[in-house]
Amino acid sequence: MSAILPPTYDRTGRHGLTPEVTHDDAARFNFLTNLNVYLGQRVFPGIKQAFEKRVKPKHLARTGVDFTSHRDIRDEMRADPYYQAWAALRVNTMEMRQQAGRHVVLRQYDAMTEKIRAANAGKNTLQLDDKVTVPEYLSQVDNHWMPGSYYGEIVPGDAGAVASYEVGLFVTTAGSMSAFGDGAGRAIVKFVKERFPNFQPKRILDLGGAFGINSLPLAAAFPDAELVVMDVGAPALRYGHARAQSMGYTNVQFVQANGEHTNFPAESFDWIQTTMTLHETSANAVVNILKECQRLLKPGGLMLHLEQPNFAPETPLWERFTRDWDAWYNNEPFWAKFHTMNVFDLMADAGFARDTHFDGRAKADIEAGRYQPWAGTLSRHSPEQKAAMSQQESARKGEGWYLFGATKST
């Protein structure tokens, strides 16, 4: 079988804050990207074979019964050498990606910090609040093995961790998220315009938007709207605001606040959304965030979340095992709990009438001509996502990002 190669790093998008990437930096990113694709497309299928031919027969011979929990599958798969090799390499590629990005940024840290400071100076579109604290559910781990996560500051004014995250993002996505890594935001725009063709929001809130990588497509699609990107991490907002300024956006604010209890007035937004944010929070936080969405949304307004799909009752144990991998080994501990939560019940409990609920699929939107047509299939998560989608009404919804939400009754 011939190999499907990802795009090369030189095809990624650049903006005013993009750090200089040398030949050796790009070569390192290209190597890690190809390793990720190889692990996902060529090595990952062998895990199922190891399970069927070794692990499961040994379990049946020892116990006389089949597996009843995907956590039991994990416990026994951890002893299989093939799984050990794949899992160790997958963790290692993420660690190397983070360190490679960090190497690029720290080499030019002073110049980058000065650019950020200059871009943000005197702008009322960046509102930081030193009274906002990072919740424990975020501070307990460095998400995605990212040193300092999105909120860590080595020195005052630091935004290095966030910059290194962006410069290395291509390694994980392999071009599947577009040149600027904003394919999910572009997919959301496409979904909303198709599902709600007459919707013309005047004020949009992106909760947990970090540095706005998937927020800016909303600002571009609705230039007459005011977009507020909200997050608890000052470094992410600091970097995101300067990044947006360098890209010419004038209708975006970056505000530091906690999505569980903001200071925004009630019914002050037409559209509230998150992009792969809820699964990074605790179960209690998800409940509180949905209630806050209900409070902040105007009657007739739209709430939308691009997220991990729930486990359905019929979801096979093997798929549960593979889809929970990042919770165990990629520092996303609440991912597993989120898979078990019924989002429709949660939205109803938050005050959204059940007849306003919806869900669906949206494929990551990649600029035409930038990458090979198959780039959208090469994310390191794609083998797991395809397996999961077979159990999530794929015939009706199709493959792609999972979306759910509701409108607020008038």
Protein backbone atom coordinates (compact mmCIF):
# COMPACT_ATOMS: atom_id res chain seq x y z
CA MET A 1 0.00 0.00 0.00
CA SER A 2 1.46 3.37 -1.05
CA ALA A 3 1.95 5.99 1.64
CA ILE A 4 -0.20 9.11 1.82
CA LEU A 5 2.10 11.97 2.73
CA PRO A 6 0.99 15.10 4.59
CA PRO A 7 1.70 18.64 3.33
CA THR A 8 5.03 20.19 4.20
CA TYR A 9 5.51 22.79 6.91
CA ASP A 10 6.38 25.58 4.46
CA ARG A 11 2.72 25.61 3.33
CA THR A 12 1.45 26.82 6.71
CA GLY A 13 -0.01 30.31 7.01
CA ARG A 14 1.96 33.24 8.40
CA HIS A 15 0.89 36.40 10.21
CA GLY A 16 2.60 39.32 11.91
CA LEU A 17 3.58 37.30 14.99
CA THR A 18 4.69 34.11 13.26
CA PRO A 19 8.24 33.42 14.50
CA GLU A 20 11.07 32.74 12.11
CA VAL A 21 11.30 29.04 11.31
CA THR A 22 14.66 27.89 10.00
CA HIS A 23 15.34 25.04 7.59
CA ASP A 24 16.20 22.75 10.51
CA ASP A 25 13.07 23.79 12.45
CA ALA A 26 10.87 22.98 9.46
CA ALA A 27 12.65 19.66 8.91
CA ARG A 28 11.99 18.74 12.53
CA PHE A 29 8.31 19.64 12.22
CA ASN A 30 8.03 17.70 8.96
CA PHE A 31 9.58 14.61 10.51
CA LEU A 32 7.24 14.70 13.51
CA THR A 33 4.22 15.32 11.27
CA ASN A 34 5.04 12.31 9.11
CA LEU A 35 5.66 10.19 12.20
CA ASN A 36 2.24 11.16 13.55
CA VAL A 37 0.58 10.27 10.25
CA TYR A 38 2.44 6.96 10.11
CA LEU A 39 1.41 6.08 13.67
CA GLY A 40 -2.21 6.93 12.96
CA GLN A 41 -2.64 5.47 9.50
CA ARG A 42 -0.28 2.49 9.46
CA VAL A 43 0.50 1.46 13.05
CA PHE A 44 -2.83 2.15 14.77
CA PRO A 45 -4.80 -0.59 12.89
CA GLY A 46 -2.41 -3.20 14.31
CA ILE A 47 -3.64 -2.43 17.82
CA LYS A 48 -7.02 -3.94 17.00
CA GLN A 49 -5.27 -7.03 15.64
CA ALA A 50 -3.21 -7.33 18.81
CA PHE A 51 -6.41 -7.12 20.82
CA GLU A 52 -8.28 -9.71 18.75
CA LYS A 53 -5.41 -12.19 18.38
CA ARG A 54 -3.62 -11.92 21.73
CA VAL A 55 -5.25 -9.88 24.45
CA LYS A 56 -8.87 -10.95 24.08
CA PRO A 57 -8.14 -14.72 23.74
CA LYS A 58 -5.93 -14.61 26.85
CA HIS A 59 -8.67 -12.79 28.75
CA LEU A 60 -11.32 -15.32 27.69
CA ALA A 61 -9.08 -18.25 28.56
CA ARG A 62 -8.40 -16.79 32.02
CA THR A 63 -11.87 -15.53 32.94
CA GLY A 64 -14.28 -17.40 30.69
CA VAL A 65 -16.21 -14.19 29.92
CA ASP A 66 -15.85 -11.33 27.46
CA PHE A 67 -14.83 -7.80 28.47
CA THR A 68 -17.57 -5.75 30.12
CA SER A 69 -15.72 -2.43 30.45
CA HIS A 70 -13.44 -0.44 28.15
CA ARG A 71 -11.32 0.35 31.20
CA ASP A 72 -10.72 -3.39 31.60
CA ILE A 73 -9.59 -3.47 27.97
CA ARG A 74 -7.16 -0.68 28.74
CA ASP A 75 -5.78 -2.48 31.80
CA GLU A 76 -4.93 -5.58 29.76
CA MET A 77 -3.83 -3.78 26.59
CA ARG A 78 -1.24 -1.88 28.61
CA ALA A 79 0.74 -5.12 28.92
CA ASP A 80 0.78 -5.78 25.16
CA PRO A 81 4.12 -4.85 23.54
CA TYR A 82 2.59 -3.60 20.29
CA TYR A 83 0.25 -1.26 22.17
CA GLN A 84 3.09 -0.14 24.42
CA ALA A 85 5.23 0.80 21.43
CA TRP A 86 2.43 2.72 19.68
CA ALA A 87 1.32 4.54 22.83
CA ALA A 88 4.87 5.48 23.85
CA LEU A 89 5.65 6.84 20.40
CA ARG A 90 2.41 8.79 20.31
CA VAL A 91 3.12 10.45 23.66
CA ASN A 92 6.70 11.08 22.60
CA THR A 93 5.67 12.81 19.36
CA MET A 94 3.44 15.18 21.33
CA GLU A 95 6.23 15.93 23.79
CA MET A 96 8.69 16.48 20.92
CA ARG A 97 6.19 18.72 19.14
CA GLN A 98 5.82 20.89 22.24
CA GLN A 99 9.58 21.10 22.75
CA ALA A 100 10.24 21.81 19.07
CA GLY A 101 7.81 24.71 19.15
CA ARG A 102 9.26 25.95 22.40
CA HIS A 103 12.77 25.84 20.91
CA VAL A 104 11.66 28.06 18.02
CA VAL A 105 9.96 30.62 20.26
CA LEU A 106 12.55 30.86 23.04
CA ARG A 107 15.26 31.54 20.48
CA GLN A 108 13.49 34.77 19.54
CA TYR A 109 11.54 35.33 22.72
CA ASP A 110 12.60 38.92 23.42
CA ALA A 111 11.74 40.18 19.94
CA MET A 112 8.41 38.35 19.95
CA THR A 113 7.50 39.71 23.40
CA GLU A 114 8.23 43.24 22.23
CA LYS A 115 6.01 42.75 19.17
CA ILE A 116 3.17 41.59 21.41
CA ARG A 117 3.64 44.49 23.79
CA ALA A 118 3.65 47.02 20.96
CA ALA A 119 0.58 45.53 19.28
CA ASN A 120 -1.40 45.54 22.53
CA ALA A 121 -0.30 48.89 23.93
CA GLY A 122 -3.16 51.32 24.53
CA LYS A 123 -5.82 49.06 23.01
CA ASN A 124 -9.16 48.77 24.80
CA THR A 125 -9.91 45.60 22.85
CA LEU A 126 -7.69 43.64 25.27
CA GLN A 127 -9.12 43.48 28.79
CA LEU A 128 -7.06 41.51 31.30
CA ASP A 129 -8.11 41.06 34.92
CA ASP A 130 -5.54 39.93 37.48
CA LYS A 131 -8.37 38.98 39.85
CA VAL A 132 -9.33 36.07 37.57
CA THR A 133 -7.80 32.84 38.85
CA VAL A 134 -7.15 29.70 36.86
CA PRO A 135 -9.57 26.95 38.02
CA GLU A 136 -8.05 23.89 39.63
CA TYR A 137 -9.39 21.65 36.89
CA LEU A 138 -7.05 23.49 34.50
CA SER A 139 -4.08 24.07 36.79
CA GLN A 140 -3.76 20.39 37.77
CA VAL A 141 -2.16 19.39 34.45
CA ASP A 142 -0.40 20.89 31.45
CA ASN A 143 -2.92 20.14 28.71
CA HIS A 144 -1.55 18.22 25.73
CA TRP A 145 1.85 18.07 27.45
CA MET A 146 2.19 21.79 26.78
CA PRO A 147 4.63 23.26 29.33
CA GLY A 148 2.76 25.94 31.27
CA SER A 149 -0.42 25.22 29.33
CA TYR A 150 -2.28 28.28 28.00
CA TYR A 151 -2.07 30.25 31.22
CA GLY A 152 1.54 29.79 32.40
CA GLU A 153 3.80 32.83 32.69
CA ILE A 154 7.55 32.52 33.25
CA VAL A 155 7.90 36.30 33.46
CA PRO A 156 5.28 39.09 33.50
CA GLY A 157 3.83 39.63 30.05
CA ASP A 158 4.78 36.14 28.89
CA ALA A 159 2.99 34.54 25.94
CA GLY A 160 5.70 32.10 24.88
CA ALA A 161 3.81 28.90 25.67
CA VAL A 162 0.89 29.93 23.48
CA ALA A 163 3.14 31.00 20.61
CA SER A 164 4.97 27.67 20.75
CA TYR A 165 1.64 25.84 20.72
CA GLU A 166 0.60 27.58 17.51
CA VAL A 167 3.92 27.15 15.72
CA GLY A 168 3.86 23.40 16.44
CA LEU A 169 0.15 22.77 15.84
CA PHE A 170 0.79 21.56 12.30
CA VAL A 171 2.59 18.50 13.68
CA THR A 172 -0.60 17.15 15.26
CA THR A 173 -3.08 18.24 12.60
CA ALA A 174 -0.93 17.42 9.54
CA GLY A 175 -2.72 20.07 7.52
CA SER A 176 -6.19 18.81 8.41
CA MET A 177 -7.06 22.09 10.13
CA SER A 178 -6.11 24.49 7.29
CA ALA A 179 -3.07 26.69 6.86
CA PHE A 180 -3.75 28.85 9.92
CA GLY A 181 -5.03 25.95 12.06
CA ASP A 182 -8.52 27.45 12.04
CA GLY A 183 -10.36 24.70 10.16
CA ALA A 184 -12.75 24.06 13.04
CA GLY A 185 -13.78 27.72 13.21
CA ARG A 186 -14.26 27.80 9.45
CA ALA A 187 -16.36 24.61 9.71
CA ILE A 188 -18.55 26.24 12.36
CA VAL A 189 -19.18 29.23 10.11
CA LYS A 190 -20.15 26.96 7.23
CA PHE A 191 -22.47 24.93 9.47
CA VAL A 192 -24.22 28.00 10.89
CA LYS A 193 -24.70 29.64 7.51
CA GLU A 194 -26.20 26.46 6.09
CA ARG A 195 -28.34 25.58 9.14
CA PHE A 196 -29.41 29.14 10.00
CA PRO A 197 -29.20 31.03 6.68
CA ASN A 198 -31.00 34.15 7.97
CA PHE A 199 -28.99 34.41 11.18
CA GLN A 200 -27.21 37.77 11.47
CA PRO A 201 -25.65 38.03 14.95
CA LYS A 202 -24.59 41.42 16.23
CA ARG A 203 -22.66 40.19 19.26
CA ILE A 204 -20.84 36.85 19.53
CA LEU A 205 -19.12 35.28 22.55
CA ASP A 206 -16.51 32.55 22.13
CA LEU A 207 -16.09 30.98 25.57
CA GLY A 208 -12.69 29.47 26.26
CA GLY A 209 -11.46 30.77 22.93
CA ALA A 210 -7.80 30.87 24.08
CA PHE A 211 -5.83 32.89 21.51
CA GLY A 212 -8.72 33.01 19.04
CA ILE A 213 -7.40 30.60 16.45
CA ASN A 214 -10.92 29.31 15.75
CA SER A 215 -12.63 32.57 16.72
CA LEU A 216 -11.33 34.79 13.93
CA PRO A 217 -13.22 32.92 11.16
CA LEU A 218 -16.42 34.03 12.91
CA ALA A 219 -15.24 37.64 12.89
CA ALA A 220 -14.39 37.35 9.20
CA ALA A 221 -17.73 35.79 8.30
CA PHE A 222 -19.76 38.35 10.26
CA PRO A 223 -17.75 41.58 9.92
CA ASP A 224 -20.59 43.74 11.24
CA ALA A 225 -20.74 41.74 14.49
CA GLU A 226 -18.71 42.34 17.63
CA LEU A 227 -16.84 39.18 18.63
CA VAL A 228 -15.67 38.67 22.22
CA VAL A 229 -13.03 35.99 22.79
CA MET A 230 -13.09 35.06 26.47
CA ASP A 231 -10.62 32.90 28.40
CA VAL A 232 -9.06 32.59 31.87
CA GLY A 233 -5.51 32.59 30.50
CA ALA A 234 -3.91 36.03 30.22
CA PRO A 235 -0.98 34.77 28.05
CA ALA A 236 -3.41 33.27 25.52
CA LEU A 237 -5.42 36.48 25.32
CA ARG A 238 -2.32 38.64 25.18
CA TYR A 239 -0.92 36.66 22.26
CA GLY A 240 -4.30 36.26 20.57
CA HIS A 241 -5.06 39.97 20.64
CA ALA A 242 -1.70 40.88 19.13
CA ARG A 243 -2.13 38.13 16.53
CA ALA A 244 -5.58 39.41 15.54
CA GLN A 245 -4.27 42.96 15.33
CA SER A 246 -1.46 41.83 13.02
CA MET A 247 -4.04 40.14 10.77
CA GLY A 248 -6.15 43.27 10.48
CA TYR A 249 -9.16 42.35 12.63
CA THR A 250 -10.92 45.35 14.15
CA ASN A 251 -14.16 43.75 15.41
CA VAL A 252 -12.66 41.40 18.04
CA GLN A 253 -12.20 41.90 21.78
CA PHE A 254 -10.16 39.60 24.04
CA VAL A 255 -11.48 39.48 27.61
CA GLN A 256 -10.16 37.60 30.65
CA ALA A 257 -12.98 35.95 32.59
CA ASN A 258 -14.23 32.56 33.76
CA GLY A 259 -16.98 31.04 31.62
CA GLU A 260 -18.73 29.61 34.65
CA HIS A 261 -19.57 33.07 35.98
CA THR A 262 -18.84 36.04 33.76
CA ASN A 263 -19.59 39.68 34.51
CA PHE A 264 -21.41 40.26 31.24
CA PRO A 265 -25.02 41.49 31.53
CA ALA A 266 -27.84 39.02 31.03
CA GLU A 267 -29.14 38.56 27.48
CA SER A 268 -26.21 40.44 25.93
CA PHE A 269 -25.16 38.04 23.13
CA ASP A 270 -26.81 36.72 19.99
CA TRP A 271 -24.46 33.74 19.64
CA ILE A 272 -22.42 31.91 22.28
CA GLN A 273 -20.13 29.06 21.38
CA THR A 274 -17.16 26.91 22.34
CA THR A 275 -14.68 25.00 20.18
CA MET A 276 -13.25 21.86 21.79
CA THR A 277 -13.40 23.60 25.18
CA LEU A 278 -15.97 21.80 27.33
CA HIS A 279 -14.06 18.52 27.48
CA GLU A 280 -11.10 20.42 29.00
CA THR A 281 -13.24 21.41 31.99
CA SER A 282 -14.73 19.48 34.88
CA ALA A 283 -18.22 18.00 34.88
CA ASN A 284 -19.41 20.69 37.30
CA ALA A 285 -17.88 23.38 35.12
CA VAL A 286 -19.77 22.10 32.06
CA VAL A 287 -23.05 22.41 33.97
CA ASN A 288 -22.19 25.93 35.12
CA ILE A 289 -21.05 27.03 31.66
CA LEU A 290 -24.28 25.89 30.02
CA LYS A 291 -26.29 27.76 32.66
CA GLU A 292 -24.20 30.86 32.03
CA CYS A 293 -24.86 30.51 28.30
CA GLN A 294 -28.58 30.48 29.04
CA ARG A 295 -28.25 33.62 31.15
CA LEU A 296 -26.15 35.53 28.62
CA LEU A 297 -28.04 34.59 25.48
CA LYS A 298 -30.70 36.86 24.03
CA PRO A 299 -34.14 35.33 23.30
CA GLY A 300 -33.91 33.72 19.88
CA GLY A 301 -30.13 33.53 20.19
CA LEU A 302 -27.91 30.59 19.27
CA MET A 303 -25.71 28.40 21.50
CA LEU A 304 -23.32 26.05 19.70
CA HIS A 305 -20.54 23.73 20.87
CA LEU A 306 -18.06 21.86 18.68
CA GLU A 307 -17.05 18.92 20.84
CA GLN A 308 -16.37 15.27 21.47
CA PRO A 309 -19.51 13.19 20.81
CA ASN A 310 -21.02 11.30 23.72
CA PHE A 311 -20.81 7.58 24.01
CA ALA A 312 -24.12 6.11 22.87
CA PRO A 313 -25.49 3.01 24.66
CA GLU A 314 -24.54 0.96 21.61
CA THR A 315 -21.00 2.32 21.32
CA PRO A 316 -18.72 -0.76 21.33
CA LEU A 317 -16.23 -1.12 24.16
CA TRP A 318 -13.32 -1.05 21.71
CA GLU A 319 -14.34 2.37 20.43
CA ARG A 320 -14.77 3.64 23.97
CA PHE A 321 -11.26 2.43 24.73
CA THR A 322 -9.68 4.15 21.72
CA ARG A 323 -11.62 7.39 22.12
CA ASP A 324 -10.65 7.75 25.79
CA TRP A 325 -6.94 7.46 25.04
CA ASP A 326 -6.23 11.20 25.34
CA ALA A 327 -7.83 11.34 28.78
CA TRP A 328 -5.31 8.81 30.05
CA TYR A 329 -2.18 9.75 28.14
CA ASN A 330 -2.49 13.24 26.62
CA ASN A 331 -3.23 15.22 29.80
CA GLU A 332 -6.92 15.70 29.03
CA PRO A 333 -8.33 14.05 32.16
CA PHE A 334 -11.94 15.26 31.83
CA TRP A 335 -12.30 13.99 28.27
CA ALA A 336 -13.43 10.56 29.53
CA LYS A 337 -16.13 11.96 31.82
CA PHE A 338 -17.44 14.20 29.07
CA HIS A 339 -17.94 11.16 26.83
CA THR A 340 -20.45 9.81 29.35
CA MET A 341 -22.48 13.01 29.82
CA ASN A 342 -25.80 13.42 28.00
CA VAL A 343 -25.51 16.90 26.53
CA PHE A 344 -29.22 17.10 25.71
CA ASP A 345 -30.17 16.49 29.33
CA LEU A 346 -27.58 19.05 30.39
CA MET A 347 -28.96 21.66 28.00
CA ALA A 348 -32.48 20.99 29.22
CA ASP A 349 -31.37 21.31 32.84
CA ALA A 350 -29.73 24.64 31.95
CA GLY A 351 -33.06 25.97 30.70
CA PHE A 352 -32.96 25.30 26.95
CA ALA A 353 -36.25 23.81 25.77
CA ARG A 354 -35.78 20.37 24.23
CA ASP A 355 -37.55 21.35 21.00
CA THR A 356 -34.74 23.87 20.38
CA HIS A 357 -31.91 21.31 20.65
CA PHE A 358 -29.92 20.22 17.60
CA ASP A 359 -26.75 18.39 16.67
CA GLY A 360 -24.86 17.59 13.50
CA ARG A 361 -21.53 17.32 11.73
CA ALA A 362 -19.21 19.83 10.11
CA LYS A 363 -16.07 18.95 8.21
CA ALA A 364 -12.93 20.97 8.83
CA ASP A 365 -12.78 23.64 6.13
CA ILE A 366 -9.43 23.82 4.32
CA GLU A 367 -8.59 26.58 1.84
CA ALA A 368 -8.74 25.34 -1.73
CA GLY A 369 -5.35 24.93 -3.36
CA ARG A 370 -3.30 25.24 -0.17
CA TYR A 371 -2.89 21.53 0.61
CA GLN A 372 -3.45 18.22 -1.13
CA PRO A 373 -7.14 17.21 -1.24
CA TRP A 374 -6.52 14.35 1.18
CA ALA A 375 -4.92 16.50 3.90
CA GLY A 376 -8.19 16.58 5.83
CA THR A 377 -7.94 12.83 6.45
CA LEU A 378 -4.50 12.82 8.06
CA SER A 379 -5.08 14.12 11.59
CA ARG A 380 -3.64 11.78 14.19
CA HIS A 381 -7.18 11.42 15.55
CA SER A 382 -8.79 10.47 12.24
CA PRO A 383 -8.69 6.66 12.66
CA GLU A 384 -10.39 6.96 16.04
CA GLN A 385 -12.87 9.55 14.79
CA LYS A 386 -13.91 7.38 11.87
CA ALA A 387 -14.52 4.45 14.18
CA ALA A 388 -16.52 6.61 16.54
CA MET A 389 -18.66 8.06 13.79
CA SER A 390 -19.95 4.68 12.76
CA GLN A 391 -21.76 4.67 16.09
CA GLN A 392 -22.89 8.30 15.97
CA GLU A 393 -25.50 8.16 13.20
CA SER A 394 -22.85 8.61 10.50
CA ALA A 395 -25.33 7.68 7.80
CA ARG A 396 -27.47 10.68 8.69
CA LYS A 397 -24.83 13.18 9.78
CA GLY A 398 -21.73 12.20 7.87
CA GLU A 399 -18.15 12.34 9.06
CA GLY A 400 -16.64 15.46 10.57
CA TRP A 401 -16.59 17.49 13.78
CA TYR A 402 -19.50 16.88 16.12
CA LEU A 403 -21.66 19.90 16.91
CA PHE A 404 -24.53 20.33 19.33
CA GLY A 405 -26.46 23.27 20.65
CA ALA A 406 -29.78 24.99 21.13
CA THR A 407 -31.61 28.22 20.52
CA LYS A 408 -33.08 30.24 23.37
CA SER A 409 -36.85 30.36 23.34
CA THR A 410 -38.41 33.75 22.75
